[in-house]
Each structure stands twice: as C-alpha cells, then as structure tokens.
Amino acid sequence: MKLMRHGPKGAEKPALIDAQGRVLDLSDVLPDITAQTLTPGALKRLRELDLASLPVVAKPGRTAPPWSGCGKFVAVGLNYSDHAAETGNPIPKEPVLFMKTTSCIVGCNDAVVLPKGSVKADWEVELGIVIGSKTRYVSKDDALRHVAGYCIVNDVSEREYQIERGGQWDKGKGCDTFGPIGPWLVTADEVPNPQDLSMWLEVNGKRHQNGNTRTMIFGVAHLVSYISEFMTLYPGDLITTGTPPGVGLGMKPPLFLKAGDTMRLGIQGLGEQFQQVHAWNPELIDA
C-alpha cells in the first residue's frame, strides 16, 4: 500500500493510493494515519478494505507528512563510502547516529526555510525506514519484520551549524523545515528489497546526486538491529539512513542552498519531492 495524508496543517485527511495512482479517501475508515495505524494488525485491516467502496479524491490539497505521531527521528551519517570520502571522513566501523528533531518534519513539497544567518545549507536524498512494531534488541534476521514501510527523506543540513559551531551534529540537522518526508509511506510488502533502490536529487534542475541503496555501508536490517541496542523503537519512529555522494559540501568549491533555489528528489517506487528554498520567514514555517 501507499499511504498518504493531504490538506492544510492541522486538518490533514488520510488517503491511500491505488494501483491506478488515484487518491482514495480513508476518512470514513479512520480519522488519521497515526503511529498506531502502522502496526501489523492495523495495516492488515487496511489491506482488507474493498478499495472500490472508497471515494476518489478529485483534487487533493497539500501533500502532508504521510503519518502523524513520529516519536523519534533517528539519523545515520556517513553510510555511503563514497559520500564519506567526499566529506573527507573515514569509513565508519559502526553506524554514526544522530537525531533530527520531530519538529523539523514537513510535507514533501512544503517550503524549506533557511534559519537566520544560514550560509551553508545542504541537501541529502535518503531512504527513510518507518517502524511498525516495538523493537528492542532485535536480530538482523528479524529486523525487517519490525518495519512498517519506507519513505523519502530530504535530510536538509546546515553545515556551518553542524560542523563549525562545536558539539554534536544535531544543531545543524533539526532546524525547522529541515525534514521533508513523503509523499507516501510505502508499506514494506511493496519494497521486497530495500537494498536495491535507485535515488537521485536535483538542485535548480541540475542532477547532483545519483545513487542506489545497494551501496550502503550498513543496510536496513543492520541499522534497525543496531539502533535497537541503544533505544527502543516504537511504531511511527523514523530512521533516515544516509545519503550517496553529490552533496554541496563535497563539491569543489562547495555549493550551498540559497533563497529561491529548488530541490527535486526521488527514490525508486517511493515517489518524488519538490521544495523551494526561502529566506528566514516564520510565517512560512507556521502556516
């Protein structure tokens, strides 16, 4: 299944994308797509729906984040060897973990707003793993059973905040609007091999990132198992898994985002995103 939400902030409606690409309204079935909707039992009930009985949404509104109630937004850094090389870092021996704030989450086509004083904002197309059941000390063999589905993440990053201002990476990763996700949550049964998905990103129409999840250093099952050693994962938690090469930081000279730029990105089978970059404007964040 492809699950989505649409409509203005605070008034999002649940929907499902059918095989013909039509948006089917789920409002009479459930009030919202929440973390609990992603549990195995709840997804099973959705799969059993008679799709022919669901009304078609003729003109969906804003594409919202595909589910509400993300408790944790865990991120993995330097998880592609060629990306580590372009940033001048060694290949990690264990996954590099940091946190993005859940308050940075926005819809896939929402505005990306640069924080005050930003001069080194960057892009990163990434595969997102959405957890569907409580996960603690899970083995790699069982890890994928705990995955509800997958989505696209743009791990927008402010490199000066991340690298040059001391402390952990988090301060450059969790700024408002720095976590576009969606357009859909694609359930795991539709992604039989998450380690063979092509991915790309363009800035102002120019392709900068071309990659595939098969070149991850640590694959999806490894990451879910590894992260579950350090924290319990719950339904609705999101893990973003690192980016292939082609980020602005790795260019010579580096290239960073500025107001007016556009980003378009996609992952095979998971849809596409499009964002415009704006100068600091809290009204765009709160709208």
C-alpha atoms as a PDB file:
ATOM      1  CA  MET A   1       0.000   0.000   0.000  1.00  0.00           C
ATOM      2  CA  LYS A   2       0.894   3.615  -0.468  1.00  0.00           C
ATOM      3  CA  LEU A   3      -0.466   5.686   2.403  1.00  0.00           C
ATOM      4  CA  MET A   4      -0.594   9.479   2.414  1.00  0.00           C
ATOM      5  CA  ARG A   5      -2.204  12.457   4.106  1.00  0.00           C
ATOM      6  CA  HIS A   6      -3.333  15.629   2.405  1.00  0.00           C
ATOM      7  CA  GLY A   7      -4.711  19.007   3.381  1.00  0.00           C
ATOM      8  CA  PRO A   8      -3.595  22.042   5.387  1.00  0.00           C
ATOM      9  CA  LYS A   9      -1.606  21.757   8.597  1.00  0.00           C
ATOM     10  CA  GLY A  10      -3.854  20.685  11.432  1.00  0.00           C
ATOM     11  CA  ALA A  11      -6.603  19.475   9.095  1.00  0.00           C
ATOM     12  CA  GLU A  12      -4.895  16.628   7.228  1.00  0.00           C
ATOM     13  CA  LYS A  13      -7.006  13.792   5.853  1.00  0.00           C
ATOM     14  CA  PRO A  14      -5.922  10.147   5.439  1.00  0.00           C
ATOM     15  CA  ALA A  15      -5.758   8.569   1.992  1.00  0.00           C
ATOM     16  CA  LEU A  16      -4.490   5.575   0.061  1.00  0.00           C
ATOM     17  CA  ILE A  17      -3.014   5.477  -3.445  1.00  0.00           C
ATOM     18  CA  ASP A  18      -4.451   2.681  -5.588  1.00  0.00           C
ATOM     19  CA  ALA A  19      -2.775   0.797  -8.444  1.00  0.00           C
ATOM     20  CA  GLN A  20      -4.040   3.389 -10.930  1.00  0.00           C
ATOM     21  CA  GLY A  21      -2.460   6.224  -8.949  1.00  0.00           C
ATOM     22  CA  ARG A  22      -5.798   7.560  -7.710  1.00  0.00           C
ATOM     23  CA  VAL A  23      -6.067   9.106  -4.247  1.00  0.00           C
ATOM     24  CA  LEU A  24      -8.734   7.240  -2.263  1.00  0.00           C
ATOM     25  CA  ASP A  25     -10.250   8.871   0.808  1.00  0.00           C
ATOM     26  CA  LEU A  26      -9.876   6.944   4.091  1.00  0.00           C
ATOM     27  CA  SER A  27     -11.749   9.465   6.237  1.00  0.00           C
ATOM     28  CA  ASP A  28     -14.696   7.100   6.796  1.00  0.00           C
ATOM     29  CA  VAL A  29     -12.320   4.313   7.815  1.00  0.00           C
ATOM     30  CA  LEU A  30     -10.037   6.132  10.245  1.00  0.00           C
ATOM     31  CA  PRO A  31      -9.667   9.743  11.402  1.00  0.00           C
ATOM     32  CA  ASP A  32      -5.953   9.971  10.597  1.00  0.00           C
ATOM     33  CA  ILE A  33      -2.898   7.910   9.713  1.00  0.00           C
ATOM     34  CA  THR A  34      -1.064   7.772  13.024  1.00  0.00           C
ATOM     35  CA  ALA A  35       1.735   5.727  14.511  1.00  0.00           C
ATOM     36  CA  GLN A  36      -0.815   3.130  15.627  1.00  0.00           C
ATOM     37  CA  THR A  37      -2.108   2.812  12.058  1.00  0.00           C
ATOM     38  CA  LEU A  38       1.316   1.392  11.176  1.00  0.00           C
ATOM     39  CA  THR A  39       1.168  -1.617  13.486  1.00  0.00           C
ATOM     40  CA  PRO A  40       0.854  -5.020  11.800  1.00  0.00           C
ATOM     41  CA  GLY A  41      -2.778  -5.543  12.814  1.00  0.00           C
ATOM     42  CA  ALA A  42      -3.891  -2.107  11.689  1.00  0.00           C
ATOM     43  CA  LEU A  43      -2.138  -2.438   8.334  1.00  0.00           C
ATOM     44  CA  LYS A  44      -3.736  -5.851   7.836  1.00  0.00           C
ATOM     45  CA  ARG A  45      -7.195  -4.297   8.289  1.00  0.00           C
ATOM     46  CA  LEU A  46      -6.382  -1.621   5.707  1.00  0.00           C
ATOM     47  CA  ARG A  47      -5.243  -4.268   3.227  1.00  0.00           C
ATOM     48  CA  GLU A  48      -8.595  -6.000   3.600  1.00  0.00           C
ATOM     49  CA  LEU A  49     -10.584  -2.925   2.586  1.00  0.00           C
ATOM     50  CA  ASP A  50     -12.737  -3.006  -0.527  1.00  0.00           C
ATOM     51  CA  LEU A  51     -10.992  -0.258  -2.471  1.00  0.00           C
ATOM     52  CA  ALA A  52     -13.929   0.068  -4.835  1.00  0.00           C
ATOM     53  CA  SER A  53     -16.003   1.352  -1.907  1.00  0.00           C
ATOM     54  CA  LEU A  54     -13.618   4.233  -1.151  1.00  0.00           C
ATOM     55  CA  PRO A  55     -14.362   7.644  -2.686  1.00  0.00           C
ATOM     56  CA  VAL A  56     -11.815   9.149  -5.056  1.00  0.00           C
ATOM     57  CA  VAL A  57     -10.305  12.483  -4.017  1.00  0.00           C
ATOM     58  CA  ALA A  58     -10.579  14.556  -7.193  1.00  0.00           C
ATOM     59  CA  LYS A  59      -8.323  17.403  -6.095  1.00  0.00           C
ATOM     60  CA  PRO A  60      -6.093  16.528  -3.147  1.00  0.00           C
ATOM     61  CA  GLY A  61      -4.736  19.504  -1.244  1.00  0.00           C
ATOM     62  CA  ARG A  62      -1.259  19.968   0.147  1.00  0.00           C
ATOM     63  CA  THR A  63       0.673  16.708   0.462  1.00  0.00           C
ATOM     64  CA  ALA A  64       1.276  16.372   4.196  1.00  0.00           C
ATOM     65  CA  PRO A  65       3.720  14.088   6.026  1.00  0.00           C
ATOM     66  CA  PRO A  66       2.364  10.558   5.466  1.00  0.00           C
ATOM     67  CA  TRP A  67       1.670   9.865   9.136  1.00  0.00           C
ATOM     68  CA  SER A  68       1.400  11.756  12.398  1.00  0.00           C
ATOM     69  CA  GLY A  69       2.908  10.888  15.747  1.00  0.00           C
ATOM     70  CA  CYS A  70       6.554  10.296  14.855  1.00  0.00           C
ATOM     71  CA  GLY A  71       8.126   9.840  18.281  1.00  0.00           C
ATOM     72  CA  LYS A  72      11.779   9.686  17.242  1.00  0.00           C
ATOM     73  CA  PHE A  73      13.610  10.807  14.116  1.00  0.00           C
ATOM     74  CA  VAL A  74      16.893   8.881  14.166  1.00  0.00           C
ATOM     75  CA  ALA A  75      19.519   9.587  11.509  1.00  0.00           C
ATOM     76  CA  VAL A  76      22.559   7.738  10.232  1.00  0.00           C
ATOM     77  CA  GLY A  77      25.582   9.648   8.964  1.00  0.00           C
ATOM     78  CA  LEU A  78      28.328   8.704   6.500  1.00  0.00           C
ATOM     79  CA  ASN A  79      26.558   5.495   5.472  1.00  0.00           C
ATOM     80  CA  TYR A  80      27.793   5.502   1.867  1.00  0.00           C
ATOM     81  CA  SER A  81      31.542   5.059   1.457  1.00  0.00           C
ATOM     82  CA  ASP A  82      31.788   7.471  -1.473  1.00  0.00           C
ATOM     83  CA  HIS A  83      29.878  10.128   0.481  1.00  0.00           C
ATOM     84  CA  ALA A  84      32.234   9.681   3.439  1.00  0.00           C
ATOM     85  CA  ALA A  85      35.141  10.180   1.050  1.00  0.00           C
ATOM     86  CA  GLU A  86      33.731  13.371  -0.465  1.00  0.00           C
ATOM     87  CA  THR A  87      33.358  14.872   3.015  1.00  0.00           C
ATOM     88  CA  GLY A  88      36.894  13.882   4.000  1.00  0.00           C
ATOM     89  CA  ASN A  89      35.818  11.350   6.633  1.00  0.00           C
ATOM     90  CA  PRO A  90      36.967   7.743   7.090  1.00  0.00           C
ATOM     91  CA  ILE A  91      34.514   4.904   6.523  1.00  0.00           C
ATOM     92  CA  PRO A  92      32.873   4.320   9.913  1.00  0.00           C
ATOM     93  CA  LYS A  93      33.382   0.993  11.678  1.00  0.00           C
ATOM     94  CA  GLU A  94      29.937   1.267  13.259  1.00  0.00           C
ATOM     95  CA  PRO A  95      26.887   3.311  12.217  1.00  0.00           C
ATOM     96  CA  VAL A  96      27.159   7.003  13.052  1.00  0.00           C
ATOM     97  CA  LEU A  97      23.934   8.011  14.811  1.00  0.00           C
ATOM     98  CA  PHE A  98      22.448  11.427  15.500  1.00  0.00           C
ATOM     99  CA  MET A  99      18.945  12.797  15.989  1.00  0.00           C
ATOM    100  CA  LYS A 100      16.830  15.092  13.877  1.00  0.00           C
ATOM    101  CA  THR A 101      14.057  16.857  15.734  1.00  0.00           C
ATOM    102  CA  THR A 102      10.499  15.751  15.053  1.00  0.00           C
ATOM    103  CA  SER A 103       9.647  19.471  14.786  1.00  0.00           C
ATOM    104  CA  CYS A 104      11.693  19.663  11.578  1.00  0.00           C
ATOM    105  CA  ILE A 105       9.275  17.313   9.783  1.00  0.00           C
ATOM    106  CA  VAL A 106       7.287  18.875   6.933  1.00  0.00           C
ATOM    107  CA  GLY A 107       5.452  17.676   3.862  1.00  0.00           C
ATOM    108  CA  CYS A 108       7.380  16.646   0.791  1.00  0.00           C
ATOM    109  CA  ASN A 109       6.579  19.816  -1.152  1.00  0.00           C
ATOM    110  CA  ASP A 110       6.487  22.293   1.730  1.00  0.00           C
ATOM    111  CA  ALA A 111       8.820  25.277   1.863  1.00  0.00           C
ATOM    112  CA  VAL A 112      12.361  24.773   3.160  1.00  0.00           C
ATOM    113  CA  VAL A 113      13.133  27.856   5.222  1.00  0.00           C
ATOM    114  CA  LEU A 114      16.738  28.782   5.941  1.00  0.00           C
ATOM    115  CA  PRO A 115      17.439  29.639   9.584  1.00  0.00           C
ATOM    116  CA  LYS A 116      18.711  33.087  10.475  1.00  0.00           C
ATOM    117  CA  GLY A 117      22.299  33.580   9.334  1.00  0.00           C
ATOM    118  CA  SER A 118      22.423  30.350   7.345  1.00  0.00           C
ATOM    119  CA  VAL A 119      25.250  30.287   4.778  1.00  0.00           C
ATOM    120  CA  LYS A 120      25.916  26.547   4.312  1.00  0.00           C
ATOM    121  CA  ALA A 121      22.576  24.787   3.890  1.00  0.00           C
ATOM    122  CA  ASP A 122      22.856  21.484   2.030  1.00  0.00           C
ATOM    123  CA  TRP A 123      20.721  18.691   0.574  1.00  0.00           C
ATOM    124  CA  GLU A 124      20.704  14.906   1.128  1.00  0.00           C
ATOM    125  CA  VAL A 125      18.312  12.423  -0.500  1.00  0.00           C
ATOM    126  CA  GLU A 126      17.832   9.463   1.847  1.00  0.00           C
ATOM    127  CA  LEU A 127      15.776   6.324   2.340  1.00  0.00           C
ATOM    128  CA  GLY A 128      13.581   6.515   5.432  1.00  0.00           C
ATOM    129  CA  ILE A 129      12.641   3.409   7.442  1.00  0.00           C
ATOM    130  CA  VAL A 130       9.311   3.623   9.300  1.00  0.00           C
ATOM    131  CA  ILE A 131       8.970   1.347  12.323  1.00  0.00           C
ATOM    132  CA  GLY A 132       5.748  -0.650  12.732  1.00  0.00           C
ATOM    133  CA  SER A 133       6.192  -2.576  15.967  1.00  0.00           C
ATOM    134  CA  LYS A 134       8.051  -2.214  19.246  1.00  0.00           C
ATOM    135  CA  THR A 135      11.701  -3.031  18.591  1.00  0.00           C
ATOM    136  CA  ARG A 136      14.327  -3.737  21.240  1.00  0.00           C
ATOM    137  CA  TYR A 137      17.496  -5.839  20.779  1.00  0.00           C
ATOM    138  CA  VAL A 138      16.150  -7.332  17.566  1.00  0.00           C
ATOM    139  CA  SER A 139      18.429  -9.559  15.497  1.00  0.00           C
ATOM    140  CA  LYS A 140      19.350  -8.682  11.921  1.00  0.00           C
ATOM    141  CA  ASP A 141      17.426 -11.752  10.760  1.00  0.00           C
ATOM    142  CA  ASP A 142      14.219 -10.480  12.375  1.00  0.00           C
ATOM    143  CA  ALA A 143      14.733  -6.737  11.914  1.00  0.00           C
ATOM    144  CA  LEU A 144      12.737  -6.272   8.707  1.00  0.00           C
ATOM    145  CA  ARG A 145       9.664  -7.785  10.370  1.00  0.00           C
ATOM    146  CA  HIS A 146       9.553  -4.655  12.513  1.00  0.00           C
ATOM    147  CA  VAL A 147       9.455  -2.296   9.524  1.00  0.00           C
ATOM    148  CA  ALA A 148       6.060  -0.886   8.523  1.00  0.00           C
ATOM    149  CA  GLY A 149       7.357   0.729   5.361  1.00  0.00           C
ATOM    150  CA  TYR A 150       9.632   3.236   3.684  1.00  0.00           C
ATOM    151  CA  CYS A 151       9.590   6.858   2.551  1.00  0.00           C
ATOM    152  CA  ILE A 152      11.799   9.529   1.023  1.00  0.00           C
ATOM    153  CA  VAL A 153      13.621  11.890   3.372  1.00  0.00           C
ATOM    154  CA  ASN A 154      15.483  15.050   2.427  1.00  0.00           C
ATOM    155  CA  ASP A 155      17.963  15.377   5.286  1.00  0.00           C
ATOM    156  CA  VAL A 156      18.467  19.122   4.855  1.00  0.00           C
ATOM    157  CA  SER A 157      21.548  20.198   6.811  1.00  0.00           C
ATOM    158  CA  GLU A 158      23.208  23.460   7.810  1.00  0.00           C
ATOM    159  CA  ARG A 159      26.890  22.542   7.570  1.00  0.00           C
ATOM    160  CA  GLU A 160      28.258  25.533   9.491  1.00  0.00           C
ATOM    161  CA  TYR A 161      25.949  24.742  12.409  1.00  0.00           C
ATOM    162  CA  GLN A 162      26.712  21.015  12.087  1.00  0.00           C
ATOM    163  CA  ILE A 163      30.495  21.124  11.784  1.00  0.00           C
ATOM    164  CA  GLU A 164      31.902  24.503  12.785  1.00  0.00           C
ATOM    165  CA  ARG A 165      29.939  25.505  15.873  1.00  0.00           C
ATOM    166  CA  GLY A 166      31.021  22.787  18.300  1.00  0.00           C
ATOM    167  CA  GLY A 167      29.262  19.876  19.923  1.00  0.00           C
ATOM    168  CA  GLN A 168      27.150  17.326  18.121  1.00  0.00           C
ATOM    169  CA  TRP A 169      25.741  17.367  14.596  1.00  0.00           C
ATOM    170  CA  ASP A 170      22.183  17.827  15.819  1.00  0.00           C
ATOM    171  CA  LYS A 171      22.203  21.624  15.801  1.00  0.00           C
ATOM    172  CA  GLY A 172      22.670  21.646  12.019  1.00  0.00           C
ATOM    173  CA  LYS A 173      20.129  18.900  11.368  1.00  0.00           C
ATOM    174  CA  GLY A 174      16.969  19.769  13.274  1.00  0.00           C
ATOM    175  CA  CYS A 175      16.152  23.285  12.090  1.00  0.00           C
ATOM    176  CA  ASP A 176      12.517  23.981  11.253  1.00  0.00           C
ATOM    177  CA  THR A 177      11.532  22.523   7.827  1.00  0.00           C
ATOM    178  CA  PHE A 178      14.785  20.510   7.553  1.00  0.00           C
ATOM    179  CA  GLY A 179      12.959  17.156   7.392  1.00  0.00           C
ATOM    180  CA  PRO A 180      10.689  16.846   4.342  1.00  0.00           C
ATOM    181  CA  ILE A 181       9.227  13.321   4.206  1.00  0.00           C
ATOM    182  CA  GLY A 182       6.879  11.577   1.787  1.00  0.00           C
ATOM    183  CA  PRO A 183       4.936  11.903  -0.447  1.00  0.00           C
ATOM    184  CA  TRP A 184       3.894   8.422   0.646  1.00  0.00           C
ATOM    185  CA  LEU A 185       4.609   5.782   3.201  1.00  0.00           C
ATOM    186  CA  VAL A 186       5.036   2.670   1.035  1.00  0.00           C
ATOM    187  CA  THR A 187       4.417  -0.462   3.088  1.00  0.00           C
ATOM    188  CA  ALA A 188       7.210  -2.995   3.356  1.00  0.00           C
ATOM    189  CA  ASP A 189       5.399  -5.640   1.292  1.00  0.00           C
ATOM    190  CA  GLU A 190       5.758  -3.364  -1.749  1.00  0.00           C
ATOM    191  CA  VAL A 191       9.528  -2.971  -1.190  1.00  0.00           C
ATOM    192  CA  PRO A 192      10.814  -6.550  -1.170  1.00  0.00           C
ATOM    193  CA  ASN A 193      14.469  -5.458  -1.433  1.00  0.00           C
ATOM    194  CA  PRO A 194      15.218  -2.105   0.201  1.00  0.00           C
ATOM    195  CA  GLN A 195      18.883  -2.611  -0.744  1.00  0.00           C
ATOM    196  CA  ASP A 196      18.324  -2.064  -4.455  1.00  0.00           C
ATOM    197  CA  LEU A 197      16.542   1.272  -4.842  1.00  0.00           C
ATOM    198  CA  SER A 198      17.854   3.978  -7.142  1.00  0.00           C
ATOM    199  CA  MET A 199      17.800   7.528  -5.773  1.00  0.00           C
ATOM    200  CA  TRP A 200      18.540  10.999  -7.127  1.00  0.00           C
ATOM    201  CA  LEU A 201      18.388  14.696  -6.325  1.00  0.00           C
ATOM    202  CA  GLU A 202      18.445  17.848  -8.467  1.00  0.00           C
ATOM    203  CA  VAL A 203      19.033  21.468  -7.480  1.00  0.00           C
ATOM    204  CA  ASN A 204      17.644  24.077  -9.860  1.00  0.00           C
ATOM    205  CA  GLY A 205      17.119  21.334 -12.436  1.00  0.00           C
ATOM    206  CA  LYS A 206      20.719  20.049 -12.335  1.00  0.00           C
ATOM    207  CA  ARG A 207      21.290  16.474 -11.202  1.00  0.00           C
ATOM    208  CA  HIS A 208      23.766  16.355  -8.306  1.00  0.00           C
ATOM    209  CA  GLN A 209      23.040  13.020  -6.647  1.00  0.00           C
ATOM    210  CA  ASN A 210      22.675   9.650  -8.369  1.00  0.00           C
ATOM    211  CA  GLY A 211      22.895   6.626  -6.146  1.00  0.00           C
ATOM    212  CA  ASN A 212      21.468   3.312  -5.064  1.00  0.00           C
ATOM    213  CA  THR A 213      20.786   1.858  -1.633  1.00  0.00           C
ATOM    214  CA  ARG A 214      22.857  -1.205  -2.522  1.00  0.00           C
ATOM    215  CA  THR A 215      26.000   0.853  -1.819  1.00  0.00           C
ATOM    216  CA  MET A 216      25.072   1.496   1.815  1.00  0.00           C
ATOM    217  CA  ILE A 217      27.820   0.541   4.242  1.00  0.00           C
ATOM    218  CA  PHE A 218      25.224  -0.673   6.757  1.00  0.00           C
ATOM    219  CA  GLY A 219      21.972  -1.968   5.269  1.00  0.00           C
ATOM    220  CA  VAL A 220      18.426  -1.550   6.525  1.00  0.00           C
ATOM    221  CA  ALA A 221      18.293  -4.742   8.594  1.00  0.00           C
ATOM    222  CA  HIS A 222      21.682  -3.970  10.169  1.00  0.00           C
ATOM    223  CA  LEU A 223      20.587  -0.433  11.083  1.00  0.00           C
ATOM    224  CA  VAL A 224      17.290  -1.458  12.684  1.00  0.00           C
ATOM    225  CA  SER A 225      19.052  -4.157  14.691  1.00  0.00           C
ATOM    226  CA  TYR A 226      21.946  -1.876  15.689  1.00  0.00           C
ATOM    227  CA  ILE A 227      19.796   1.093  16.719  1.00  0.00           C
ATOM    228  CA  SER A 228      17.525  -1.170  18.779  1.00  0.00           C
ATOM    229  CA  GLU A 229      20.539  -1.923  21.004  1.00  0.00           C
ATOM    230  CA  PHE A 230      20.659   1.715  22.142  1.00  0.00           C
ATOM    231  CA  MET A 231      16.993   2.727  22.241  1.00  0.00           C
ATOM    232  CA  THR A 232      13.609   1.082  21.995  1.00  0.00           C
ATOM    233  CA  LEU A 233      11.944   1.864  18.691  1.00  0.00           C
ATOM    234  CA  TYR A 234       8.168   2.278  18.577  1.00  0.00           C
ATOM    235  CA  PRO A 235       5.569   2.376  15.797  1.00  0.00           C
ATOM    236  CA  GLY A 236       5.866   5.633  13.880  1.00  0.00           C
ATOM    237  CA  ASP A 237       9.555   6.160  14.653  1.00  0.00           C
ATOM    238  CA  LEU A 238      11.593   7.136  11.597  1.00  0.00           C
ATOM    239  CA  ILE A 239      15.174   6.192  10.719  1.00  0.00           C
ATOM    240  CA  THR A 240      16.844   8.037   7.863  1.00  0.00           C
ATOM    241  CA  THR A 241      19.717   6.016   6.504  1.00  0.00           C
ATOM    242  CA  GLY A 242      22.354   8.283   4.961  1.00  0.00           C
ATOM    243  CA  THR A 243      22.971   9.780   1.549  1.00  0.00           C
ATOM    244  CA  PRO A 244      25.005   8.928  -1.561  1.00  0.00           C
ATOM    245  CA  PRO A 245      27.641  11.360  -2.888  1.00  0.00           C
ATOM    246  CA  GLY A 246      26.800  14.631  -4.591  1.00  0.00           C
ATOM    247  CA  VAL A 247      26.054  16.913  -1.643  1.00  0.00           C
ATOM    248  CA  GLY A 248      27.015  20.559  -1.801  1.00  0.00           C
ATOM    249  CA  LEU A 249      29.661  20.207   0.913  1.00  0.00           C
ATOM    250  CA  GLY A 250      31.620  17.754  -1.251  1.00  0.00           C
ATOM    251  CA  MET A 251      31.848  19.966  -4.333  1.00  0.00           C
ATOM    252  CA  LYS A 252      34.937  21.925  -5.261  1.00  0.00           C
ATOM    253  CA  PRO A 253      34.240  24.666  -4.493  1.00  0.00           C
ATOM    254  CA  PRO A 254      31.344  23.805  -2.156  1.00  0.00           C
ATOM    255  CA  LEU A 255      27.854  24.771  -3.287  1.00  0.00           C
ATOM    256  CA  PHE A 256      25.168  25.633  -0.776  1.00  0.00           C
ATOM    257  CA  LEU A 257      21.475  26.442  -0.935  1.00  0.00           C
ATOM    258  CA  LYS A 258      20.182  29.984  -1.138  1.00  0.00           C
ATOM    259  CA  ALA A 259      16.749  31.570  -1.204  1.00  0.00           C
ATOM    260  CA  GLY A 260      14.997  30.897  -4.496  1.00  0.00           C
ATOM    261  CA  ASP A 261      16.695  27.548  -5.151  1.00  0.00           C
ATOM    262  CA  THR A 262      14.592  24.467  -5.831  1.00  0.00           C
ATOM    263  CA  MET A 263      15.186  20.830  -4.956  1.00  0.00           C
ATOM    264  CA  ARG A 264      13.615  17.839  -6.677  1.00  0.00           C
ATOM    265  CA  LEU A 265      14.393  14.334  -5.464  1.00  0.00           C
ATOM    266  CA  GLY A 266      13.110  10.801  -5.708  1.00  0.00           C
ATOM    267  CA  ILE A 267      13.624   7.164  -4.805  1.00  0.00           C
ATOM    268  CA  GLN A 268      12.528   4.235  -6.967  1.00  0.00           C
ATOM    269  CA  GLY A 269       8.953   3.233  -6.075  1.00  0.00           C
ATOM    270  CA  LEU A 270       8.623   5.827  -3.304  1.00  0.00           C
ATOM    271  CA  GLY A 271       7.625   8.900  -5.339  1.00  0.00           C
ATOM    272  CA  GLU A 272       9.181  12.339  -5.673  1.00  0.00           C
ATOM    273  CA  GLN A 273       9.582  15.515  -3.627  1.00  0.00           C
ATOM    274  CA  PHE A 274       9.875  19.157  -4.680  1.00  0.00           C
ATOM    275  CA  GLN A 275      10.838  22.038  -2.408  1.00  0.00           C
ATOM    276  CA  GLN A 276      11.612  25.712  -2.856  1.00  0.00           C
ATOM    277  CA  VAL A 277      14.146  27.312  -0.546  1.00  0.00           C
ATOM    278  CA  HIS A 278      13.166  30.519   1.266  1.00  0.00           C
ATOM    279  CA  ALA A 279      14.962  33.038   3.421  1.00  0.00           C
ATOM    280  CA  TRP A 280      14.027  33.093   7.097  1.00  0.00           C
ATOM    281  CA  ASN A 281      10.287  33.673   7.393  1.00  0.00           C
ATOM    282  CA  PRO A 282       8.459  32.246  10.419  1.00  0.00           C
ATOM    283  CA  GLU A 283       5.118  32.713   8.684  1.00  0.00           C
ATOM    284  CA  LEU A 284       6.104  30.039   6.153  1.00  0.00           C
ATOM    285  CA  ILE A 285       7.002  27.668   8.984  1.00  0.00           C
ATOM    286  CA  ASP A 286       3.827  28.215  10.979  1.00  0.00           C
ATOM    287  CA  ALA A 287       1.367  28.405   8.083  1.00  0.00           C
END
